[in-house]
């Protein structure tokens, strides 16, 4: 259950990271409200997951899920470059997340 909450926390991290782009420096009300809500939910879920998972693993997976998802959505939504090096680097982050899961013992 902790791993599911951790991945969910990472998905909400993607939501707030992408949401920041739409807040226009927190000058737009509803995108700002949604972004702040996603931030709070993400951190709360991370905290709950950390009750039973190691802090280093939890944080690394949370950041990794957020980074990979945000980069992919940046490519899709904002036309950011999808170079071979960038895609390969994202693959390495995913490999790290999988490695942390497989070696966690949880």
PDB file of N, CA and C in Angstrom:
ATOM      1  N   UNK A   1       0.820  -1.196   0.000  1.00  0.00           N
ATOM      2  CA  UNK A   1       0.000   0.000   0.000  1.00  0.00           C
ATOM      3  C   UNK A   1       0.866   1.263   0.000  1.00  0.00           C
ATOM      4  N   UNK A   2       1.984   1.216   0.733  1.00  0.00           N
ATOM      5  CA  UNK A   2       2.867   2.381   0.809  1.00  0.00           C
ATOM      6  C   UNK A   2       3.427   2.737  -0.561  1.00  0.00           C
ATOM      7  N   UNK A   3       3.762   1.723  -1.363  1.00  0.00           N
ATOM      8  CA  UNK A   3       4.296   1.991  -2.698  1.00  0.00           C
ATOM      9  C   UNK A   3       3.240   2.628  -3.596  1.00  0.00           C
ATOM     10  N   UNK A   4       1.998   2.179  -3.468  1.00  0.00           N
ATOM     11  CA  UNK A   4       0.919   2.779  -4.243  1.00  0.00           C
ATOM     12  C   UNK A   4       0.748   4.252  -3.863  1.00  0.00           C
ATOM     13  N   UNK A   5       0.760   4.539  -2.569  1.00  0.00           N
ATOM     14  CA  UNK A   5       0.654   5.924  -2.105  1.00  0.00           C
ATOM     15  C   UNK A   5       1.829   6.759  -2.593  1.00  0.00           C
ATOM     16  N   UNK A   6       3.012   6.154  -2.618  1.00  0.00           N
ATOM     17  CA  UNK A   6       4.202   6.865  -3.077  1.00  0.00           C
ATOM     18  C   UNK A   6       4.100   7.218  -4.566  1.00  0.00           C
ATOM     19  N   UNK A   7       3.650   6.287  -5.369  1.00  0.00           N
ATOM     20  CA  UNK A   7       3.485   6.564  -6.795  1.00  0.00           C
ATOM     21  C   UNK A   7       2.395   7.614  -6.996  1.00  0.00           C
ATOM     22  N   UNK A   8       1.319   7.511  -6.230  1.00  0.00           N
ATOM     23  CA  UNK A   8       0.251   8.519  -6.299  1.00  0.00           C
ATOM     24  C   UNK A   8       0.790   9.899  -5.922  1.00  0.00           C
ATOM     25  N   UNK A   9       1.631   9.944  -4.896  1.00  0.00           N
ATOM     26  CA  UNK A   9       2.263  11.212  -4.499  1.00  0.00           C
ATOM     27  C   UNK A   9       3.086  11.770  -5.654  1.00  0.00           C
ATOM     28  N   UNK A  10       3.797  10.896  -6.356  1.00  0.00           N
ATOM     29  CA  UNK A  10       4.579  11.321  -7.518  1.00  0.00           C
ATOM     30  C   UNK A  10       3.704  11.852  -8.637  1.00  0.00           C
ATOM     31  N   UNK A  11       2.540  11.243  -8.831  1.00  0.00           N
ATOM     32  CA  UNK A  11       1.621  11.725  -9.861  1.00  0.00           C
ATOM     33  C   UNK A  11       1.091  13.114  -9.508  1.00  0.00           C
ATOM     34  N   UNK A  12       0.801  13.328  -8.231  1.00  0.00           N
ATOM     35  CA  UNK A  12       0.376  14.664  -7.820  1.00  0.00           C
ATOM     36  C   UNK A  12       1.526  15.665  -7.926  1.00  0.00           C
ATOM     37  N   UNK A  13       2.751  15.191  -7.769  1.00  0.00           N
ATOM     38  CA  UNK A  13       3.897  16.079  -7.979  1.00  0.00           C
ATOM     39  C   UNK A  13       3.951  16.528  -9.438  1.00  0.00           C
ATOM     40  N   UNK A  14       3.683  15.609 -10.349  1.00  0.00           N
ATOM     41  CA  UNK A  14       3.614  15.979 -11.764  1.00  0.00           C
ATOM     42  C   UNK A  14       2.536  17.044 -11.956  1.00  0.00           C
ATOM     43  N   UNK A  15       1.394  16.824 -11.310  1.00  0.00           N
ATOM     44  CA  UNK A  15       0.288  17.770 -11.431  1.00  0.00           C
ATOM     45  C   UNK A  15       0.656  19.168 -10.989  1.00  0.00           C
ATOM     46  N   UNK A  16       1.360  19.275  -9.856  1.00  0.00           N
ATOM     47  CA  UNK A  16       1.688  20.632  -9.409  1.00  0.00           C
ATOM     48  C   UNK A  16       2.835  21.240 -10.203  1.00  0.00           C
ATOM     49  N   UNK A  17       3.743  20.402 -10.661  1.00  0.00           N
ATOM     50  CA  UNK A  17       4.843  20.943 -11.468  1.00  0.00           C
ATOM     51  C   UNK A  17       4.317  21.506 -12.786  1.00  0.00           C
ATOM     52  N   UNK A  18       3.434  20.764 -13.434  1.00  0.00           N
ATOM     53  CA  UNK A  18       2.831  21.252 -14.679  1.00  0.00           C
ATOM     54  C   UNK A  18       1.899  22.424 -14.364  1.00  0.00           C
ATOM     55  N   UNK A  19       1.184  22.330 -13.259  1.00  0.00           N
ATOM     56  CA  UNK A  19       0.278  23.398 -12.858  1.00  0.00           C
ATOM     57  C   UNK A  19       0.974  24.732 -12.681  1.00  0.00           C
ATOM     58  N   UNK A  20       2.210  24.692 -12.222  1.00  0.00           N
ATOM     59  CA  UNK A  20       2.957  25.939 -12.041  1.00  0.00           C
ATOM     60  C   UNK A  20       3.027  26.740 -13.343  1.00  0.00           C
ATOM     61  N   UNK A  21       3.140  26.040 -14.446  1.00  0.00           N
ATOM     62  CA  UNK A  21       3.218  26.703 -15.746  1.00  0.00           C
ATOM     63  C   UNK A  21       1.926  27.473 -16.042  1.00  0.00           C
ATOM     64  N   UNK A  22       0.809  26.895 -15.612  1.00  0.00           N
ATOM     65  CA  UNK A  22      -0.497  27.499 -15.897  1.00  0.00           C
ATOM     66  C   UNK A  22      -0.906  28.577 -14.893  1.00  0.00           C
ATOM     67  N   UNK A  23      -0.206  28.671 -13.755  1.00  0.00           N
ATOM     68  CA  UNK A  23      -0.571  29.690 -12.766  1.00  0.00           C
ATOM     69  C   UNK A  23      -0.138  31.083 -13.195  1.00  0.00           C
ATOM     70  N   UNK A  24       0.796  31.150 -14.135  1.00  0.00           N
ATOM     71  CA  UNK A  24       1.339  32.431 -14.598  1.00  0.00           C
ATOM     72  C   UNK A  24       1.867  33.229 -13.402  1.00  0.00           C
ATOM     73  N   UNK A  25       2.760  32.567 -12.658  1.00  0.00           N
ATOM     74  CA  UNK A  25       3.351  33.221 -11.474  1.00  0.00           C
ATOM     75  C   UNK A  25       2.341  33.408 -10.359  1.00  0.00           C
ATOM     76  N   UNK A  26       1.410  32.476 -10.229  1.00  0.00           N
ATOM     77  CA  UNK A  26       0.332  32.516  -9.237  1.00  0.00           C
ATOM     78  C   UNK A  26      -0.567  33.737  -9.404  1.00  0.00           C
ATOM     79  N   UNK A  27      -0.677  34.222 -10.637  1.00  0.00           N
ATOM     80  CA  UNK A  27      -1.560  35.360 -10.900  1.00  0.00           C
ATOM     81  C   UNK A  27      -2.929  34.914 -11.415  1.00  0.00           C
ATOM     82  N   UNK A  28      -3.095  33.634 -11.702  1.00  0.00           N
ATOM     83  CA  UNK A  28      -4.382  33.096 -12.154  1.00  0.00           C
ATOM     84  C   UNK A  28      -4.963  32.245 -11.030  1.00  0.00           C
ATOM     85  N   UNK A  29      -6.166  32.596 -10.580  1.00  0.00           N
ATOM     86  CA  UNK A  29      -6.748  32.005  -9.376  1.00  0.00           C
ATOM     87  C   UNK A  29      -6.919  30.494  -9.458  1.00  0.00           C
ATOM     88  N   UNK A  30      -7.704  29.996 -10.394  1.00  0.00           N
ATOM     89  CA  UNK A  30      -8.032  28.570 -10.377  1.00  0.00           C
ATOM     90  C   UNK A  30      -6.848  27.657 -10.678  1.00  0.00           C
ATOM     91  N   UNK A  31      -6.010  28.005 -11.632  1.00  0.00           N
ATOM     92  CA  UNK A  31      -4.803  27.171 -11.775  1.00  0.00           C
ATOM     93  C   UNK A  31      -3.933  27.197 -10.512  1.00  0.00           C
ATOM     94  N   UNK A  32      -3.896  28.329  -9.823  1.00  0.00           N
ATOM     95  CA  UNK A  32      -3.116  28.431  -8.582  1.00  0.00           C
ATOM     96  C   UNK A  32      -3.723  27.562  -7.489  1.00  0.00           C
ATOM     97  N   UNK A  33      -5.054  27.592  -7.364  1.00  0.00           N
ATOM     98  CA  UNK A  33      -5.735  26.769  -6.356  1.00  0.00           C
ATOM     99  C   UNK A  33      -5.475  25.291  -6.625  1.00  0.00           C
ATOM    100  N   UNK A  34      -5.619  24.868  -7.880  1.00  0.00           N
ATOM    101  CA  UNK A  34      -5.370  23.468  -8.231  1.00  0.00           C
ATOM    102  C   UNK A  34      -3.930  23.053  -7.992  1.00  0.00           C
ATOM    103  N   UNK A  35      -3.010  23.934  -8.303  1.00  0.00           N
ATOM    104  CA  UNK A  35      -1.591  23.646  -8.110  1.00  0.00           C
ATOM    105  C   UNK A  35      -1.259  23.504  -6.628  1.00  0.00           C
ATOM    106  N   UNK A  36      -1.755  24.417  -5.826  1.00  0.00           N
ATOM    107  CA  UNK A  36      -1.500  24.351  -4.382  1.00  0.00           C
ATOM    108  C   UNK A  36      -2.140  23.098  -3.778  1.00  0.00           C
ATOM    109  N   UNK A  37      -3.345  22.755  -4.224  1.00  0.00           N
ATOM    110  CA  UNK A  37      -3.996  21.534  -3.736  1.00  0.00           C
ATOM    111  C   UNK A  37      -3.166  20.308  -4.091  1.00  0.00           C
ATOM    112  N   UNK A  38      -2.661  20.257  -5.322  1.00  0.00           N
ATOM    113  CA  UNK A  38      -1.825  19.121  -5.740  1.00  0.00           C
ATOM    114  C   UNK A  38      -0.545  19.059  -4.917  1.00  0.00           C
ATOM    115  N   UNK A  39       0.034  20.224  -4.592  1.00  0.00           N
ATOM    116  CA  UNK A  39       1.241  20.254  -3.749  1.00  0.00           C
ATOM    117  C   UNK A  39       0.962  19.633  -2.386  1.00  0.00           C
ATOM    118  N   UNK A  40      -0.122  20.063  -1.775  1.00  0.00           N
ATOM    119  CA  UNK A  40      -0.463  19.573  -0.436  1.00  0.00           C
ATOM    120  C   UNK A  40      -0.726  18.069  -0.472  1.00  0.00           C
ATOM    121  N   UNK A  41      -1.533  17.623  -1.433  1.00  0.00           N
ATOM    122  CA  UNK A  41      -1.842  16.193  -1.532  1.00  0.00           C
ATOM    123  C   UNK A  41      -0.574  15.383  -1.765  1.00  0.00           C
ATOM    124  N   UNK A  42       0.297  15.863  -2.628  1.00  0.00           N
ATOM    125  CA  UNK A  42       1.536  15.161  -2.929  1.00  0.00           C
ATOM    126  C   UNK A  42       2.400  14.977  -1.687  1.00  0.00           C
ATOM    127  N   UNK A  43       2.575  16.042  -0.928  1.00  0.00           N
ATOM    128  CA  UNK A  43       3.431  15.974   0.259  1.00  0.00           C
ATOM    129  C   UNK A  43       2.789  15.123   1.355  1.00  0.00           C
ATOM    130  N   UNK A  44       1.476  15.222   1.512  1.00  0.00           N
ATOM    131  CA  UNK A  44       0.790  14.402   2.517  1.00  0.00           C
ATOM    132  C   UNK A  44       0.932  12.917   2.171  1.00  0.00           C
ATOM    133  N   UNK A  45       0.701  12.562   0.918  1.00  0.00           N
ATOM    134  CA  UNK A  45       0.853  11.160   0.515  1.00  0.00           C
ATOM    135  C   UNK A  45       2.288  10.684   0.683  1.00  0.00           C
ATOM    136  N   UNK A  46       3.248  11.534   0.356  1.00  0.00           N
ATOM    137  CA  UNK A  46       4.654  11.185   0.567  1.00  0.00           C
ATOM    138  C   UNK A  46       4.913  10.911   2.041  1.00  0.00           C
ATOM    139  N   UNK A  47       4.405  11.766   2.902  1.00  0.00           N
ATOM    140  CA  UNK A  47       4.594  11.593   4.339  1.00  0.00           C
ATOM    141  C   UNK A  47       3.993  10.295   4.850  1.00  0.00           C
ATOM    142  N   UNK A  48       2.818   9.953   4.353  1.00  0.00           N
ATOM    143  CA  UNK A  48       2.180   8.697   4.770  1.00  0.00           C
ATOM    144  C   UNK A  48       2.998   7.510   4.291  1.00  0.00           C
ATOM    145  N   UNK A  49       3.468   7.557   3.049  1.00  0.00           N
ATOM    146  CA  UNK A  49       4.284   6.458   2.515  1.00  0.00           C
ATOM    147  C   UNK A  49       5.564   6.290   3.314  1.00  0.00           C
ATOM    148  N   UNK A  50       6.129   7.395   3.789  1.00  0.00           N
ATOM    149  CA  UNK A  50       7.380   7.340   4.541  1.00  0.00           C
ATOM    150  C   UNK A  50       7.227   6.701   5.922  1.00  0.00           C
ATOM    151  N   UNK A  51       6.002   6.518   6.356  1.00  0.00           N
ATOM    152  CA  UNK A  51       5.806   5.842   7.637  1.00  0.00           C
ATOM    153  C   UNK A  51       6.325   4.408   7.599  1.00  0.00           C
ATOM    154  N   UNK A  52       6.298   3.793   6.400  1.00  0.00           N
ATOM    155  CA  UNK A  52       6.743   2.405   6.313  1.00  0.00           C
ATOM    156  C   UNK A  52       7.840   2.160   5.275  1.00  0.00           C
ATOM    157  N   UNK A  53       8.221   3.192   4.539  1.00  0.00           N
ATOM    158  CA  UNK A  53       9.310   3.046   3.566  1.00  0.00           C
ATOM    159  C   UNK A  53      10.497   3.908   3.994  1.00  0.00           C
ATOM    160  N   UNK A  54      11.696   3.534   3.618  1.00  0.00           N
ATOM    161  CA  UNK A  54      12.866   4.338   3.961  1.00  0.00           C
ATOM    162  C   UNK A  54      12.784   5.736   3.346  1.00  0.00           C
ATOM    163  N   UNK A  55      13.252   6.722   4.082  1.00  0.00           N
ATOM    164  CA  UNK A  55      13.160   8.108   3.634  1.00  0.00           C
ATOM    165  C   UNK A  55      13.911   8.336   2.320  1.00  0.00           C
ATOM    166  N   UNK A  56      15.097   7.791   2.193  1.00  0.00           N
ATOM    167  CA  UNK A  56      15.885   7.989   0.977  1.00  0.00           C
ATOM    168  C   UNK A  56      15.213   7.389  -0.244  1.00  0.00           C
ATOM    169  N   UNK A  57      14.705   6.177  -0.095  1.00  0.00           N
ATOM    170  CA  UNK A  57      14.000   5.521  -1.191  1.00  0.00           C
ATOM    171  C   UNK A  57      12.735   6.295  -1.543  1.00  0.00           C
ATOM    172  N   UNK A  58      11.969   6.655  -0.525  1.00  0.00           N
ATOM    173  CA  UNK A  58      10.712   7.377  -0.756  1.00  0.00           C
ATOM    174  C   UNK A  58      10.947   8.670  -1.500  1.00  0.00           C
ATOM    175  N   UNK A  59      11.890   9.441  -1.020  1.00  0.00           N
ATOM    176  CA  UNK A  59      12.145  10.744  -1.636  1.00  0.00           C
ATOM    177  C   UNK A  59      12.656  10.583  -3.068  1.00  0.00           C
ATOM    178  N   UNK A  60      13.573   9.650  -3.272  1.00  0.00           N
ATOM    179  CA  UNK A  60      14.135   9.438  -4.610  1.00  0.00           C
ATOM    180  C   UNK A  60      13.057   8.992  -5.600  1.00  0.00           C
ATOM    181  N   UNK A  61      12.180   8.101  -5.181  1.00  0.00           N
ATOM    182  CA  UNK A  61      11.112   7.632  -6.065  1.00  0.00           C
ATOM    183  C   UNK A  61      10.126   8.759  -6.334  1.00  0.00           C
ATOM    184  N   UNK A  62       9.761   9.515  -5.313  1.00  0.00           N
ATOM    185  CA  UNK A  62       8.831  10.640  -5.457  1.00  0.00           C
ATOM    186  C   UNK A  62       9.368  11.650  -6.475  1.00  0.00           C
ATOM    187  N   UNK A  63      10.617  12.035  -6.289  1.00  0.00           N
ATOM    188  CA  UNK A  63      11.239  12.994  -7.210  1.00  0.00           C
ATOM    189  C   UNK A  63      11.378  12.384  -8.604  1.00  0.00           C
ATOM    190  N   UNK A  64      11.750  11.122  -8.680  1.00  0.00           N
ATOM    191  CA  UNK A  64      11.934  10.476  -9.971  1.00  0.00           C
ATOM    192  C   UNK A  64      10.643  10.385 -10.763  1.00  0.00           C
ATOM    193  N   UNK A  65       9.571   9.947 -10.113  1.00  0.00           N
ATOM    194  CA  UNK A  65       8.267   9.882 -10.791  1.00  0.00           C
ATOM    195  C   UNK A  65       7.868  11.275 -11.261  1.00  0.00           C
ATOM    196  N   UNK A  66       8.042  12.249 -10.386  1.00  0.00           N
ATOM    197  CA  UNK A  66       7.698  13.627 -10.744  1.00  0.00           C
ATOM    198  C   UNK A  66       8.532  14.160 -11.887  1.00  0.00           C
ATOM    199  N   UNK A  67       9.821  13.895 -11.844  1.00  0.00           N
ATOM    200  CA  UNK A  67      10.719  14.402 -12.893  1.00  0.00           C
ATOM    201  C   UNK A  67      10.423  13.772 -14.246  1.00  0.00           C
ATOM    202  N   UNK A  68      10.253  12.464 -14.269  1.00  0.00           N
ATOM    203  CA  UNK A  68       9.992  11.774 -15.534  1.00  0.00           C
ATOM    204  C   UNK A  68       8.639  12.204 -16.098  1.00  0.00           C
ATOM    205  N   UNK A  69       7.622  12.192 -15.258  1.00  0.00           N
ATOM    206  CA  UNK A  69       6.292  12.577 -15.730  1.00  0.00           C
ATOM    207  C   UNK A  69       6.228  14.017 -16.200  1.00  0.00           C
ATOM    208  N   UNK A  70       6.882  14.903 -15.457  1.00  0.00           N
ATOM    209  CA  UNK A  70       6.883  16.318 -15.833  1.00  0.00           C
ATOM    210  C   UNK A  70       7.638  16.531 -17.136  1.00  0.00           C
ATOM    211  N   UNK A  71       8.751  15.848 -17.308  1.00  0.00           N
ATOM    212  CA  UNK A  71       9.513  15.979 -18.554  1.00  0.00           C
ATOM    213  C   UNK A  71       8.720  15.461 -19.752  1.00  0.00           C
ATOM    214  N   UNK A  72       8.046  14.343 -19.568  1.00  0.00           N
ATOM    215  CA  UNK A  72       7.243  13.783 -20.664  1.00  0.00           C
ATOM    216  C   UNK A  72       6.094  14.729 -21.013  1.00  0.00           C
ATOM    217  N   UNK A  73       5.407  15.246 -19.996  1.00  0.00           N
ATOM    218  CA  UNK A  73       4.321  16.181 -20.276  1.00  0.00           C
ATOM    219  C   UNK A  73       4.841  17.495 -20.856  1.00  0.00           C
ATOM    220  N   UNK A  74       6.042  17.891 -20.462  1.00  0.00           N
ATOM    221  CA  UNK A  74       6.646  19.076 -21.066  1.00  0.00           C
ATOM    222  C   UNK A  74       6.848  18.893 -22.565  1.00  0.00           C
ATOM    223  N   UNK A  75       7.242  17.702 -22.942  1.00  0.00           N
ATOM    224  CA  UNK A  75       7.416  17.381 -24.362  1.00  0.00           C
ATOM    225  C   UNK A  75       6.057  17.413 -25.075  1.00  0.00           C
ATOM    226  N   UNK A  76       5.068  16.778 -24.464  1.00  0.00           N
ATOM    227  CA  UNK A  76       3.748  16.657 -25.093  1.00  0.00           C
ATOM    228  C   UNK A  76       3.002  17.990 -25.115  1.00  0.00           C
ATOM    229  N   UNK A  77       2.955  18.659 -23.958  1.00  0.00           N
ATOM    230  CA  UNK A  77       2.118  19.857 -23.832  1.00  0.00           C
ATOM    231  C   UNK A  77       2.789  21.142 -24.316  1.00  0.00           C
ATOM    232  N   UNK A  78       4.095  21.238 -24.130  1.00  0.00           N
ATOM    233  CA  UNK A  78       4.774  22.506 -24.367  1.00  0.00           C
ATOM    234  C   UNK A  78       5.801  22.446 -25.495  1.00  0.00           C
ATOM    235  N   UNK A  79       5.862  21.310 -26.183  1.00  0.00           N
ATOM    236  CA  UNK A  79       6.772  21.187 -27.317  1.00  0.00           C
ATOM    237  C   UNK A  79       8.240  21.235 -26.940  1.00  0.00           C
ATOM    238  N   UNK A  80       8.560  20.823 -25.703  1.00  0.00           N
ATOM    239  CA  UNK A  80       9.968  20.799 -25.289  1.00  0.00           C
ATOM    240  C   UNK A  80      10.702  19.722 -26.084  1.00  0.00           C
ATOM    241  N   UNK A  81      12.009  19.867 -26.243  1.00  0.00           N
ATOM    242  CA  UNK A  81      12.750  18.919 -27.091  1.00  0.00           C
ATOM    243  C   UNK A  81      12.723  17.490 -26.545  1.00  0.00           C
ATOM    244  N   UNK A  82      12.594  16.548 -27.474  1.00  0.00           N
ATOM    245  CA  UNK A  82      12.612  15.122 -27.136  1.00  0.00           C
ATOM    246  C   UNK A  82      13.838  14.492 -27.776  1.00  0.00           C
ATOM    247  N   UNK A  83      15.004  14.971 -27.376  1.00  0.00           N
ATOM    248  CA  UNK A  83      16.249  14.463 -27.952  1.00  0.00           C
ATOM    249  C   UNK A  83      16.546  13.059 -27.440  1.00  0.00           C
ATOM    250  N   UNK A  84      17.375  12.370 -28.167  1.00  0.00           N
ATOM    251  CA  UNK A  84      17.754  11.011 -27.766  1.00  0.00           C
ATOM    252  C   UNK A  84      18.405  11.016 -26.390  1.00  0.00           C
ATOM    253  N   UNK A  85      19.262  11.978 -26.144  1.00  0.00           N
ATOM    254  CA  UNK A  85      19.915  12.057 -24.838  1.00  0.00           C
ATOM    255  C   UNK A  85      18.932  12.294 -23.702  1.00  0.00           C
ATOM    256  N   UNK A  86      17.951  13.127 -23.964  1.00  0.00           N
ATOM    257  CA  UNK A  86      16.944  13.418 -22.943  1.00  0.00           C
ATOM    258  C   UNK A  86      16.096  12.171 -22.654  1.00  0.00           C
ATOM    259  N   UNK A  87      15.661  11.497 -23.700  1.00  0.00           N
ATOM    260  CA  UNK A  87      14.851  10.283 -23.531  1.00  0.00           C
ATOM    261  C   UNK A  87      15.670   9.190 -22.826  1.00  0.00           C
ATOM    262  N   UNK A  88      16.921   9.037 -23.209  1.00  0.00           N
ATOM    263  CA  UNK A  88      17.780   8.044 -22.561  1.00  0.00           C
ATOM    264  C   UNK A  88      17.966   8.372 -21.083  1.00  0.00           C
ATOM    265  N   UNK A  89      18.127   9.631 -20.772  1.00  0.00           N
ATOM    266  CA  UNK A  89      18.296  10.047 -19.377  1.00  0.00           C
ATOM    267  C   UNK A  89      17.039   9.769 -18.570  1.00  0.00           C
ATOM    268  N   UNK A  90      15.882  10.018 -19.160  1.00  0.00           N
ATOM    269  CA  UNK A  90      14.628   9.695 -18.471  1.00  0.00           C
ATOM    270  C   UNK A  90      14.527   8.185 -18.244  1.00  0.00           C
ATOM    271  N   UNK A  91      14.972   7.409 -19.220  1.00  0.00           N
ATOM    272  CA  UNK A  91      14.995   5.952 -19.056  1.00  0.00           C
ATOM    273  C   UNK A  91      15.883   5.519 -17.897  1.00  0.00           C
ATOM    274  N   UNK A  92      16.992   6.203 -17.716  1.00  0.00           N
ATOM    275  CA  UNK A  92      17.874   5.891 -16.584  1.00  0.00           C
ATOM    276  C   UNK A  92      17.203   6.205 -15.254  1.00  0.00           C
ATOM    277  N   UNK A  93      16.432   7.286 -15.208  1.00  0.00           N
ATOM    278  CA  UNK A  93      15.703   7.608 -13.974  1.00  0.00           C
ATOM    279  C   UNK A  93      14.677   6.511 -13.687  1.00  0.00           C
ATOM    280  N   UNK A  94      13.952   6.079 -14.712  1.00  0.00           N
ATOM    281  CA  UNK A  94      12.975   4.997 -14.534  1.00  0.00           C
ATOM    282  C   UNK A  94      13.684   3.733 -14.059  1.00  0.00           C
ATOM    283  N   UNK A  95      14.835   3.428 -14.639  1.00  0.00           N
ATOM    284  CA  UNK A  95      15.597   2.247 -14.199  1.00  0.00           C
ATOM    285  C   UNK A  95      15.992   2.374 -12.737  1.00  0.00           C
ATOM    286  N   UNK A  96      16.344   3.579 -12.310  1.00  0.00           N
ATOM    287  CA  UNK A  96      16.678   3.804 -10.907  1.00  0.00           C
ATOM    288  C   UNK A  96      15.486   3.589  -9.994  1.00  0.00           C
ATOM    289  N   UNK A  97      14.321   4.058 -10.424  1.00  0.00           N
ATOM    290  CA  UNK A  97      13.104   3.861  -9.625  1.00  0.00           C
ATOM    291  C   UNK A  97      12.801   2.370  -9.491  1.00  0.00           C
ATOM    292  N   UNK A  98      12.867   1.649 -10.603  1.00  0.00           N
ATOM    293  CA  UNK A  98      12.621   0.207 -10.579  1.00  0.00           C
ATOM    294  C   UNK A  98      13.651  -0.482  -9.678  1.00  0.00           C
ATOM    295  N   UNK A  99      14.917  -0.083  -9.795  1.00  0.00           N
ATOM    296  CA  UNK A  99      15.957  -0.672  -8.954  1.00  0.00           C
ATOM    297  C   UNK A  99      15.715  -0.436  -7.474  1.00  0.00           C
ATOM    298  N   UNK A 100      15.265   0.765  -7.133  1.00  0.00           N
ATOM    299  CA  UNK A 100      14.948   1.061  -5.732  1.00  0.00           C
ATOM    300  C   UNK A 100      13.799   0.196  -5.239  1.00  0.00           C
ATOM    301  N   UNK A 101      12.800   0.004  -6.061  1.00  0.00           N
ATOM    302  CA  UNK A 101      11.658  -0.840  -5.685  1.00  0.00           C
ATOM    303  C   UNK A 101      12.101  -2.274  -5.485  1.00  0.00           C
ATOM    304  N   UNK A 102      12.874  -2.795  -6.428  1.00  0.00           N
ATOM    305  CA  UNK A 102      13.293  -4.196  -6.354  1.00  0.00           C
ATOM    306  C   UNK A 102      14.230  -4.464  -5.182  1.00  0.00           C
ATOM    307  N   UNK A 103      14.981  -3.477  -4.788  1.00  0.00           N
ATOM    308  CA  UNK A 103      15.952  -3.680  -3.702  1.00  0.00           C
ATOM    309  C   UNK A 103      15.451  -3.197  -2.359  1.00  0.00           C
ATOM    310  N   UNK A 104      14.197  -2.769  -2.283  1.00  0.00           N
ATOM    311  CA  UNK A 104      13.693  -2.170  -1.037  1.00  0.00           C
ATOM    312  C   UNK A 104      13.314  -3.182   0.021  1.00  0.00           C
ATOM    313  N   UNK A 105      12.928  -4.384  -0.405  1.00  0.00           N
ATOM    314  CA  UNK A 105      12.491  -5.370   0.572  1.00  0.00           C
ATOM    315  C   UNK A 105      11.066  -5.125   1.068  1.00  0.00           C
ATOM    316  N   UNK A 106      10.376  -4.170   0.503  1.00  0.00           N
ATOM    317  CA  UNK A 106       8.993  -3.883   0.904  1.00  0.00           C
ATOM    318  C   UNK A 106       8.044  -4.264  -0.210  1.00  0.00           C
TER     319      UNK A 106
END
